[in-house]
Amino acid sequence: MLLKRPKLLELIIFALTYIYFGIFRYFLIPSGDDYFWYGEKGSYLMSHGFFSTLPMVGGSSNGRYLGNLLEIAMMRHLAIGILVFAFFWTLLLWTIYQLTGRNLKMLPIALLLPFFMQNAFLNNILVWNNGFIIYVPSIALVLSYLVICRSNSQLQSSWLMSVLAFFIALAGGLFLENVTTLQIALALLLIIFFRKNLQKHHFAYLLGAIAAAAIMFSNRSYYVGPTAYRQTTHDPIKIWQTFVDYTHFWLISFNWIVIVVMAVSLIILALKSTVSTLTKTIIIFSSATLGIYYSIISLVFSKFNQNEIYAFTNMNHTLATIDTLVSLLLIVFIAYCIYTFFKNDKFMWIYYLSAGISFGPMLIVISPVTSRGEFTSFIFIYLIVASFLIKAIQELQINPLSITVILSILLLFLAGNYQLKMYRNYQANLERVNQDSFLYDNKQLTKHVPYRKFVVVNDQLIQQDSTYWRLRLQK
């Protein structure tokens, strides 16, 4: 009955999604920088325009004005934290659903995103408030604008849509530097791609993106004095070394499940398509090879040690170099497959180019080197793979409802598993922090939670703050 009323079913599903992430945020255990923004240092930066040269603020002096303000509000008021966390995760999943065709029976593919993320993204973004507020809202707002561009609504040419586009860009550019620059490039790309059917909102978004960049980069922290935290390089050797040793793993290799799904989808598309025999052979052979390679290499990588930021501590350099070269071939192969199956789909090319543009600034960063910077590019890759998968399912010409049931069961299992782990961690954490020695004598905790990867930096005990928990327990 609900399938016959798709709008109502959509509303129910996304309302439940919002509730799910609200509960998820309630159980989330803050850590590290969350307490920085919660306490005196966050207050000091807020009262000084988020700029200071004092060593105590480290690399937190920046132009991420909206992200910083929301982080402070979320940490000081749990209700705000729940509402904001649930809203932006729901918005992100809703935009992915919209951009992959708004096919209700394929909706679970969009909702599976948080549970298909590799451990580095899980640990640094999904279960960390500070990681979430910088990386999720920014890309969710970018995708929201792409939903506007993809819409066929008559409102597209209205001034209301132009005003909305301007403020989406203005807000989206005040969270994260590489998204701030991405927005300008994306606005120009869209103007080029839609040059024969330009609307006022295309130019409004560009103006908003430029205004956001002007506001963010007016912060003096980007120009005043050298800092050990925010360092870049233009040395090709150092750039290649960072890409080989760190960033390519987070961008490509650790996302092996998504790659295997892509490989299977492309094999189906090749078999069902009318392309030439040579093209079919290239795609089937390449897809099978890449799918097998990343399945095996994920097992090999599990033998190497990783630190708290999910970087290898004892990786063989030759193996890392080989894996880097395979990753570069994969990037080229994705472009080839888009050209073969989605040649005239402007948005597939926009996703592909946006993934590269958002990753570009990460190449020159040598401090800090973390997995979080690759999250934006991963979202665009996920959009591409989801599009491949949905088209492949359609080509199989099987009952789509059966696929929906299978994916929904998988979704419910994974979502329930994550929520259960968050709940158990929350209960264990309440027990360990509710000790006089920790709350009043400032002694370090001695016990970890049961599922350490569900707390940022794998629940390093030194990252917890007694003042925060003393006040929260009193409430």
Protein backbone atom coordinates (compact mmCIF):
# COMPACT_ATOMS: atom_id res chain seq x y z
CA MET A 1 0.00 0.00 0.00
CA LEU A 2 2.80 2.39 0.87
CA LEU A 3 4.56 1.68 -2.43
CA LYS A 4 1.50 3.10 -4.15
CA ARG A 5 2.03 6.33 -2.21
CA PRO A 6 5.73 6.99 -2.81
CA LYS A 7 5.84 10.52 -1.37
CA LEU A 8 4.36 9.33 1.91
CA LEU A 9 6.76 6.38 2.03
CA GLU A 10 9.72 8.70 1.35
CA LEU A 11 8.60 10.96 4.19
CA ILE A 12 8.28 8.04 6.60
CA ILE A 13 11.69 6.57 5.66
CA PHE A 14 13.57 9.85 6.00
CA ALA A 15 11.75 10.68 9.23
CA LEU A 16 12.94 7.33 10.60
CA THR A 17 16.42 8.09 9.26
CA TYR A 18 16.39 11.39 11.16
CA ILE A 19 15.31 9.63 14.36
CA TYR A 20 17.99 6.97 13.88
CA PHE A 21 20.80 9.50 13.63
CA GLY A 22 19.37 11.53 16.51
CA ILE A 23 19.61 8.46 18.75
CA PHE A 24 23.04 7.71 17.29
CA ARG A 25 24.25 11.19 18.29
CA TYR A 26 22.85 10.80 21.81
CA PHE A 27 25.07 7.73 22.32
CA LEU A 28 28.12 9.35 20.68
CA ILE A 29 31.11 9.73 23.03
CA PRO A 30 32.89 13.08 22.45
CA SER A 31 36.67 13.01 22.35
CA GLY A 32 39.75 15.13 21.68
CA ASP A 33 38.94 18.37 19.86
CA ASP A 34 35.32 18.18 20.94
CA TYR A 35 36.45 19.23 24.41
CA PHE A 36 38.72 21.91 22.98
CA TRP A 37 35.73 23.66 21.43
CA TYR A 38 33.53 22.93 24.43
CA GLY A 39 35.92 24.59 26.89
CA GLU A 40 37.82 27.82 27.45
CA LYS A 41 39.93 27.52 24.31
CA GLY A 42 36.88 27.35 22.11
CA SER A 43 35.39 30.34 23.92
CA TYR A 44 38.63 32.28 23.50
CA LEU A 45 38.74 31.64 19.75
CA MET A 46 35.06 32.49 19.34
CA SER A 47 35.57 35.84 21.07
CA HIS A 48 38.65 36.57 18.91
CA GLY A 49 37.14 35.88 15.50
CA PHE A 50 38.66 32.37 15.41
CA PHE A 51 42.14 33.81 15.04
CA SER A 52 45.03 33.62 17.47
CA THR A 53 48.76 33.03 17.35
CA LEU A 54 48.81 31.56 20.86
CA PRO A 55 50.33 28.05 20.92
CA MET A 56 47.42 26.77 23.03
CA VAL A 57 45.00 26.92 20.07
CA GLY A 58 47.23 24.83 17.78
CA GLY A 59 45.77 24.52 14.30
CA SER A 60 42.24 25.41 15.37
CA SER A 61 42.67 29.05 14.35
CA ASN A 62 40.97 29.07 10.95
CA GLY A 63 38.18 30.48 8.80
CA ARG A 64 35.74 27.60 9.29
CA TYR A 65 33.35 30.03 10.96
CA LEU A 66 30.08 28.13 10.59
CA GLY A 67 31.61 24.76 11.38
CA ASN A 68 33.34 26.10 14.49
CA LEU A 69 30.22 27.85 15.78
CA LEU A 70 28.08 24.77 15.28
CA GLU A 71 30.69 22.58 16.99
CA ILE A 72 30.65 24.85 20.04
CA ALA A 73 26.84 24.88 20.13
CA MET A 74 26.59 21.11 19.66
CA MET A 75 29.04 20.41 22.47
CA ARG A 76 27.42 22.80 24.92
CA HIS A 77 23.84 21.77 24.21
CA LEU A 78 23.12 18.09 23.64
CA ALA A 79 19.71 18.85 22.07
CA ILE A 80 21.36 21.06 19.44
CA GLY A 81 23.94 18.35 18.84
CA ILE A 82 21.25 15.75 18.23
CA LEU A 83 19.20 17.99 15.93
CA VAL A 84 22.15 19.15 13.80
CA PHE A 85 23.76 15.71 13.56
CA ALA A 86 20.51 14.05 12.49
CA PHE A 87 19.62 16.83 10.07
CA PHE A 88 22.84 16.86 8.05
CA TRP A 89 23.25 13.09 7.89
CA THR A 90 19.65 12.79 6.71
CA LEU A 91 20.19 15.62 4.23
CA LEU A 92 23.30 13.93 2.83
CA LEU A 93 21.52 10.61 2.31
CA TRP A 94 18.45 12.36 0.85
CA THR A 95 20.59 14.21 -1.72
CA ILE A 96 22.32 10.98 -2.76
CA TYR A 97 18.89 9.40 -3.21
CA GLN A 98 17.75 12.36 -5.32
CA LEU A 99 20.92 12.45 -7.45
CA THR A 100 20.82 8.72 -8.21
CA GLY A 101 17.40 8.95 -9.82
CA ARG A 102 14.96 9.14 -6.91
CA ASN A 103 14.09 5.50 -7.47
CA LEU A 104 12.19 4.50 -4.33
CA LYS A 105 12.99 0.81 -4.74
CA MET A 106 16.71 1.65 -4.88
CA LEU A 107 16.56 3.97 -1.85
CA PRO A 108 18.47 1.50 0.41
CA ILE A 109 21.57 2.07 -1.76
CA ALA A 110 21.70 5.69 -0.60
CA LEU A 111 20.92 4.81 3.01
CA LEU A 112 23.72 2.21 3.10
CA LEU A 113 26.42 4.87 2.69
CA PRO A 114 27.32 5.29 6.41
CA PHE A 115 27.62 1.54 6.83
CA PHE A 116 29.77 0.96 3.74
CA MET A 117 32.34 3.53 4.81
CA GLN A 118 35.81 2.25 5.59
CA ASN A 119 37.03 2.28 9.20
CA ALA A 120 38.99 5.51 8.80
CA PHE A 121 35.85 7.43 7.79
CA LEU A 122 33.76 5.63 10.40
CA ASN A 123 36.20 6.54 13.16
CA ASN A 124 37.00 10.09 12.06
CA ILE A 125 33.62 11.32 10.81
CA LEU A 126 30.64 9.15 11.73
CA VAL A 127 31.46 8.75 15.43
CA TRP A 128 33.26 12.05 16.06
CA ASN A 129 31.31 15.26 16.50
CA ASN A 130 34.15 17.54 15.38
CA GLY A 131 34.84 15.40 12.32
CA PHE A 132 31.15 15.28 11.47
CA ILE A 133 30.45 19.00 11.67
CA ILE A 134 33.31 19.94 9.35
CA TYR A 135 32.91 17.28 6.68
CA VAL A 136 29.27 16.16 6.48
CA PRO A 137 27.36 19.48 6.30
CA SER A 138 29.76 20.90 3.71
CA ILE A 139 29.30 18.08 1.20
CA ALA A 140 25.57 17.76 2.02
CA LEU A 141 25.08 21.41 1.06
CA VAL A 142 27.08 20.98 -2.17
CA LEU A 143 24.91 18.02 -3.14
CA SER A 144 21.79 19.99 -2.21
CA TYR A 145 22.67 22.51 -4.86
CA LEU A 146 23.25 19.73 -7.40
CA VAL A 147 19.74 18.49 -6.59
CA ILE A 148 18.45 21.95 -7.54
CA CYS A 149 20.40 21.82 -10.81
CA ARG A 150 19.04 18.37 -11.61
CA SER A 151 15.46 19.33 -10.83
CA ASN A 152 12.99 20.03 -13.62
CA SER A 153 10.88 22.24 -11.39
CA GLN A 154 9.49 25.47 -12.78
CA LEU A 155 10.99 27.16 -9.72
CA GLN A 156 14.44 26.74 -11.30
CA SER A 157 14.24 30.13 -12.98
CA SER A 158 12.71 31.94 -9.99
CA TRP A 159 14.45 34.53 -7.83
CA LEU A 160 13.61 32.40 -4.81
CA MET A 161 15.76 29.59 -6.19
CA SER A 162 18.57 32.05 -6.87
CA VAL A 163 18.48 33.35 -3.30
CA LEU A 164 18.46 29.77 -2.01
CA ALA A 165 21.45 28.85 -4.21
CA PHE A 166 23.37 31.89 -2.97
CA PHE A 167 22.90 31.01 0.69
CA ILE A 168 23.61 27.31 0.13
CA ALA A 169 26.99 28.29 -1.34
CA LEU A 170 27.63 30.89 1.36
CA ALA A 171 26.92 28.40 4.14
CA GLY A 172 28.60 25.44 2.44
CA GLY A 173 31.85 27.36 2.03
CA LEU A 174 32.33 28.10 5.73
CA PHE A 175 33.08 24.56 6.91
CA LEU A 176 36.12 23.23 5.05
CA GLU A 177 38.81 24.80 2.87
CA ASN A 178 38.82 22.30 0.02
CA VAL A 179 35.01 22.45 -0.23
CA THR A 180 35.24 26.25 -0.29
CA THR A 181 37.47 26.08 -3.35
CA LEU A 182 35.45 23.19 -4.81
CA GLN A 183 32.31 25.31 -4.79
CA ILE A 184 33.87 27.95 -7.05
CA ALA A 185 35.17 25.32 -9.47
CA LEU A 186 31.83 23.49 -9.38
CA ALA A 187 29.91 26.68 -10.08
CA LEU A 188 32.09 27.35 -13.13
CA LEU A 189 31.72 23.75 -14.31
CA LEU A 190 27.95 23.97 -14.09
CA ILE A 191 27.91 27.24 -16.03
CA ILE A 192 29.98 25.56 -18.75
CA PHE A 193 27.89 22.36 -18.79
CA PHE A 194 24.58 24.25 -18.82
CA ARG A 195 25.70 27.15 -21.02
CA LYS A 196 22.79 26.53 -23.39
CA ASN A 197 20.23 26.65 -20.60
CA LEU A 198 21.67 28.94 -17.94
CA GLN A 199 19.48 29.99 -15.05
CA LYS A 200 19.87 32.81 -12.54
CA HIS A 201 20.70 30.35 -9.78
CA HIS A 202 23.88 29.27 -11.61
CA PHE A 203 25.33 32.76 -11.20
CA ALA A 204 23.87 33.19 -7.72
CA TYR A 205 25.66 30.02 -6.57
CA LEU A 206 28.93 31.31 -8.03
CA LEU A 207 28.53 34.61 -6.18
CA GLY A 208 27.77 32.78 -2.94
CA ALA A 209 30.82 30.54 -3.41
CA ILE A 210 33.08 33.56 -4.01
CA ALA A 211 31.62 35.36 -0.98
CA ALA A 212 32.21 32.28 1.20
CA ALA A 213 35.83 32.03 0.01
CA ALA A 214 36.39 35.73 0.71
CA ILE A 215 35.03 35.33 4.25
CA MET A 216 36.93 32.12 5.02
CA PHE A 217 40.30 33.16 3.66
CA SER A 218 40.10 36.62 5.20
CA ASN A 219 41.02 34.85 8.45
CA ARG A 220 44.61 35.84 9.17
CA SER A 221 45.55 32.36 10.35
CA TYR A 222 46.22 31.41 6.72
CA TYR A 223 48.81 34.17 6.29
CA VAL A 224 50.34 35.01 9.67
CA GLY A 225 53.49 33.11 10.50
CA PRO A 226 54.51 29.47 9.88
CA THR A 227 52.76 26.73 11.83
CA ALA A 228 53.72 23.12 12.40
CA TYR A 229 50.08 22.11 12.05
CA ARG A 230 49.17 23.57 8.67
CA GLN A 231 52.00 22.84 6.24
CA THR A 232 52.00 22.41 2.47
CA THR A 233 54.58 21.57 -0.17
CA HIS A 234 54.97 21.92 -3.92
CA ASP A 235 57.84 19.45 -4.10
CA PRO A 236 56.72 16.68 -6.52
CA ILE A 237 58.75 14.07 -4.66
CA LYS A 238 57.09 14.86 -1.32
CA ILE A 239 53.66 15.01 -2.95
CA TRP A 240 54.15 11.58 -4.50
CA GLN A 241 55.48 10.19 -1.23
CA THR A 242 52.43 11.39 0.71
CA PHE A 243 50.10 10.04 -1.96
CA VAL A 244 51.83 6.64 -1.92
CA ASP A 245 52.20 6.30 1.85
CA TYR A 246 48.88 7.79 2.99
CA THR A 247 46.20 9.48 0.92
CA HIS A 248 45.65 6.97 -1.88
CA PHE A 249 44.79 4.31 0.70
CA TRP A 250 42.03 6.43 2.22
CA LEU A 251 40.71 7.58 -1.16
CA ILE A 252 40.77 4.24 -3.01
CA SER A 253 42.20 1.09 -1.46
CA PHE A 254 40.40 1.00 1.89
CA ASN A 255 37.07 1.44 0.07
CA TRP A 256 37.42 -2.02 -1.44
CA ILE A 257 33.78 -3.02 -0.83
CA VAL A 258 32.55 -0.10 -2.91
CA ILE A 259 35.09 -0.98 -5.63
CA VAL A 260 33.98 -4.62 -5.73
CA VAL A 261 30.33 -3.52 -6.05
CA MET A 262 31.38 -1.24 -8.89
CA ALA A 263 33.27 -4.06 -10.62
CA VAL A 264 30.28 -6.43 -10.49
CA SER A 265 27.96 -3.66 -11.74
CA LEU A 266 30.23 -2.88 -14.68
CA ILE A 267 30.48 -6.54 -15.68
CA ILE A 268 26.66 -6.71 -15.77
CA LEU A 269 26.46 -3.48 -17.77
CA ALA A 270 29.04 -4.72 -20.26
CA LEU A 271 27.26 -8.05 -20.75
CA LYS A 272 23.88 -6.37 -21.27
CA SER A 273 25.06 -3.49 -23.45
CA THR A 274 25.37 -3.24 -27.21
CA VAL A 275 28.91 -1.85 -27.20
CA SER A 276 31.58 -3.43 -29.35
CA THR A 277 33.13 -6.78 -28.47
CA LEU A 278 36.46 -5.08 -27.79
CA THR A 279 34.89 -2.61 -25.35
CA LYS A 280 33.01 -5.42 -23.61
CA THR A 281 36.22 -7.42 -23.29
CA ILE A 282 38.16 -4.47 -21.88
CA ILE A 283 35.49 -3.63 -19.30
CA ILE A 284 34.79 -7.21 -18.20
CA PHE A 285 38.46 -8.14 -17.93
CA SER A 286 39.43 -4.90 -16.17
CA SER A 287 36.47 -5.04 -13.78
CA ALA A 288 37.12 -8.66 -12.86
CA THR A 289 40.85 -7.98 -12.37
CA LEU A 290 40.23 -4.92 -10.19
CA GLY A 291 37.52 -6.64 -8.16
CA ILE A 292 39.77 -9.62 -7.44
CA TYR A 293 42.80 -7.41 -6.79
CA TYR A 294 41.10 -5.19 -4.20
CA SER A 295 39.48 -8.19 -2.51
CA ILE A 296 42.88 -9.84 -2.10
CA ILE A 297 44.83 -6.71 -1.25
CA SER A 298 42.39 -5.88 1.54
CA LEU A 299 43.34 -9.20 3.18
CA VAL A 300 47.04 -8.46 2.65
CA PHE A 301 46.67 -5.00 4.21
CA SER A 302 44.99 -6.49 7.27
CA LYS A 303 48.37 -8.06 8.15
CA PHE A 304 50.01 -4.65 8.52
CA ASN A 305 49.69 -2.52 11.64
CA GLN A 306 47.74 0.74 11.61
CA ASN A 307 47.92 3.60 14.08
CA GLU A 308 45.07 5.61 15.60
CA ILE A 309 44.51 7.62 12.39
CA TYR A 310 44.36 4.45 10.26
CA ALA A 311 47.73 4.98 8.62
CA PHE A 312 50.14 2.07 8.18
CA THR A 313 53.14 1.95 10.50
CA ASN A 314 55.04 -0.87 8.79
CA MET A 315 53.81 -0.92 5.18
CA ASN A 316 56.18 -2.31 2.54
CA HIS A 317 57.06 0.65 0.27
CA THR A 318 57.17 -1.45 -2.90
CA LEU A 319 53.71 -2.86 -2.20
CA ALA A 320 52.40 0.64 -1.46
CA THR A 321 53.80 1.91 -4.77
CA ILE A 322 52.23 -0.95 -6.74
CA ASP A 323 48.90 -0.29 -5.04
CA THR A 324 49.19 3.41 -5.91
CA LEU A 325 49.71 2.63 -9.59
CA VAL A 326 46.69 0.30 -9.59
CA SER A 327 44.66 3.08 -7.94
CA LEU A 328 45.65 5.51 -10.71
CA LEU A 329 44.59 2.96 -13.32
CA LEU A 330 41.27 2.57 -11.51
CA ILE A 331 40.68 6.34 -11.69
CA VAL A 332 41.29 6.29 -15.45
CA PHE A 333 39.10 3.19 -15.84
CA ILE A 334 36.18 4.88 -14.09
CA ALA A 335 36.35 7.73 -16.61
CA TYR A 336 36.38 5.19 -19.45
CA CYS A 337 33.27 3.47 -18.07
CA ILE A 338 31.43 6.77 -17.62
CA TYR A 339 32.25 7.57 -21.23
CA THR A 340 30.96 4.15 -22.32
CA PHE A 341 27.71 3.96 -20.35
CA PHE A 342 26.93 7.55 -19.30
CA LYS A 343 28.56 9.57 -22.05
CA ASN A 344 25.80 12.18 -22.22
CA ASP A 345 25.04 12.34 -18.50
CA LYS A 346 26.44 15.69 -17.43
CA PHE A 347 26.13 14.91 -13.76
CA MET A 348 28.28 11.78 -13.92
CA TRP A 349 31.06 13.90 -15.34
CA ILE A 350 30.43 16.54 -12.69
CA TYR A 351 30.76 13.89 -9.95
CA TYR A 352 33.97 12.59 -11.49
CA LEU A 353 35.56 16.01 -11.91
CA SER A 354 34.39 17.16 -8.48
CA ALA A 355 36.01 14.12 -6.86
CA GLY A 356 39.32 15.16 -8.42
CA ILE A 357 38.93 18.85 -7.65
CA SER A 358 38.08 18.25 -3.99
CA PHE A 359 41.00 15.82 -3.64
CA GLY A 360 43.50 18.10 -5.39
CA PRO A 361 44.30 20.32 -2.38
CA MET A 362 45.02 17.20 -0.30
CA LEU A 363 48.00 16.42 -2.53
CA ILE A 364 50.03 19.39 -1.30
CA VAL A 365 49.17 19.00 2.40
CA ILE A 366 51.94 17.44 4.46
CA SER A 367 50.61 18.40 7.90
CA PRO A 368 48.18 17.27 9.12
CA VAL A 369 47.79 14.19 6.93
CA THR A 370 44.49 12.52 7.83
CA SER A 371 41.76 10.45 6.19
CA ARG A 372 39.11 13.12 6.71
CA GLY A 373 40.22 15.21 3.73
CA GLU A 374 39.36 12.38 1.35
CA PHE A 375 35.76 12.05 2.55
CA THR A 376 34.38 14.64 0.11
CA SER A 377 35.94 12.87 -2.87
CA PHE A 378 34.66 9.54 -1.57
CA ILE A 379 31.07 10.84 -1.60
CA PHE A 380 31.36 11.70 -5.30
CA ILE A 381 32.85 8.26 -5.98
CA TYR A 382 29.94 6.70 -4.09
CA LEU A 383 27.50 8.63 -6.30
CA ILE A 384 29.21 7.24 -9.40
CA VAL A 385 29.23 3.66 -8.11
CA ALA A 386 25.60 3.92 -6.95
CA SER A 387 24.63 5.07 -10.45
CA PHE A 388 26.50 2.12 -11.98
CA LEU A 389 24.78 -0.28 -9.58
CA ILE A 390 21.25 1.05 -10.15
CA LYS A 391 21.67 0.92 -13.92
CA ALA A 392 23.04 -2.64 -13.68
CA ILE A 393 20.04 -3.77 -11.59
CA GLN A 394 17.70 -2.22 -14.15
CA GLU A 395 19.52 -4.01 -16.97
CA LEU A 396 19.08 -7.39 -15.25
CA GLN A 397 15.31 -6.99 -15.67
CA ILE A 398 14.48 -8.83 -12.49
CA ASN A 399 11.80 -7.86 -10.01
CA PRO A 400 13.24 -4.71 -8.38
CA LEU A 401 11.18 -5.34 -5.26
CA SER A 402 13.26 -8.45 -4.51
CA ILE A 403 16.43 -6.35 -4.67
CA THR A 404 14.78 -3.79 -2.39
CA VAL A 405 13.96 -6.47 0.16
CA ILE A 406 17.52 -7.86 0.14
CA LEU A 407 19.11 -4.42 0.44
CA SER A 408 16.64 -3.40 3.15
CA ILE A 409 17.43 -6.47 5.23
CA LEU A 410 21.15 -5.71 4.87
CA LEU A 411 20.52 -2.08 5.81
CA LEU A 412 18.50 -2.97 8.90
CA PHE A 413 21.14 -5.46 10.05
CA LEU A 414 24.04 -3.01 9.63
CA ALA A 415 22.15 -0.07 11.11
CA GLY A 416 21.04 -2.14 14.09
CA ASN A 417 24.55 -3.47 14.60
CA TYR A 418 26.03 0.04 14.65
CA GLN A 419 23.38 1.37 17.00
CA LEU A 420 23.83 -1.55 19.38
CA LYS A 421 27.59 -0.95 19.50
CA MET A 422 27.04 2.75 20.14
CA TYR A 423 24.64 1.92 22.99
CA ARG A 424 27.02 -0.58 24.61
CA ASN A 425 29.90 1.88 24.33
CA TYR A 426 27.73 4.59 25.88
CA GLN A 427 26.81 2.41 28.86
CA ALA A 428 30.42 1.29 29.37
CA ASN A 429 31.60 4.87 29.16
CA LEU A 430 29.08 6.08 31.76
CA GLU A 431 30.39 3.46 34.14
CA ARG A 432 34.07 4.32 33.63
CA VAL A 433 33.71 8.12 33.78
CA ASN A 434 31.46 8.01 36.86
CA GLN A 435 34.45 7.55 39.15
CA ASP A 436 35.61 10.11 41.70
CA SER A 437 39.24 9.60 40.70
CA PHE A 438 38.45 10.69 37.13
CA LEU A 439 35.81 13.34 37.85
CA TYR A 440 37.52 15.14 40.71
CA ASP A 441 41.16 14.03 40.86
CA ASN A 442 41.75 14.30 37.08
CA LYS A 443 43.25 10.83 36.93
CA GLN A 444 43.31 9.18 33.50
CA LEU A 445 40.78 6.49 32.66
CA THR A 446 41.99 2.91 32.85
CA LYS A 447 39.37 1.07 30.78
CA HIS A 448 38.45 1.19 27.08
CA VAL A 449 34.94 0.88 25.71
CA PRO A 450 34.04 -2.50 24.10
CA TYR A 451 34.11 -1.22 20.50
CA ARG A 452 37.05 1.14 20.30
CA LYS A 453 36.73 2.08 16.62
CA PHE A 454 33.36 3.64 17.47
CA VAL A 455 35.18 6.37 19.40
CA VAL A 456 37.58 8.64 17.51
CA VAL A 457 41.32 7.75 17.59
CA ASN A 458 40.26 4.32 18.80
CA ASP A 459 39.26 5.58 22.25
CA GLN A 460 42.60 6.91 23.41
CA LEU A 461 42.03 7.33 27.15
CA ILE A 462 43.92 10.61 27.38
CA GLN A 463 41.39 12.18 24.98
CA GLN A 464 38.57 12.24 27.57
CA ASP A 465 37.72 15.32 29.66
CA SER A 466 36.57 15.06 33.27
CA THR A 467 35.00 18.54 33.39
CA TYR A 468 32.61 17.73 30.56
CA TRP A 469 31.48 14.44 32.06
CA ARG A 470 31.15 15.88 35.56
CA LEU A 471 28.72 18.52 34.30
CA ARG A 472 26.86 16.09 32.05
CA LEU A 473 26.39 13.54 34.82
CA GLN A 474 25.09 16.26 37.12
CA LYS A 475 22.42 17.10 34.54
